[in-house]
């Protein structure tokens, strides 16, 4: 699961960076922001299916399935996942 968790952490870090400063730097419209966040949602859902929810702590699965995190701009979700999921 190391490759998948690395991919998960990279995705969450990227999501946080986009929401923190990327939205402004990209000068995205509301529709483009929504499309980018929909892409994050799709990627998270696909990755969660690949990893298998049974292979993650239940609280991690619940957090990953909460769409409120799609606008996380301070990296809180990434930090929480790194605390919950063993990584090397």
Foldseek 3Di string as FASTA:
>chain_A
DQVLVVVVLVLLVVLQQCLAPVCVVVVDDPVVLVVVLVVSLVVLVVSCVVCDVVNFPVVLVVLSNDSVSSNNNPSPNSVVRPVRDDYD
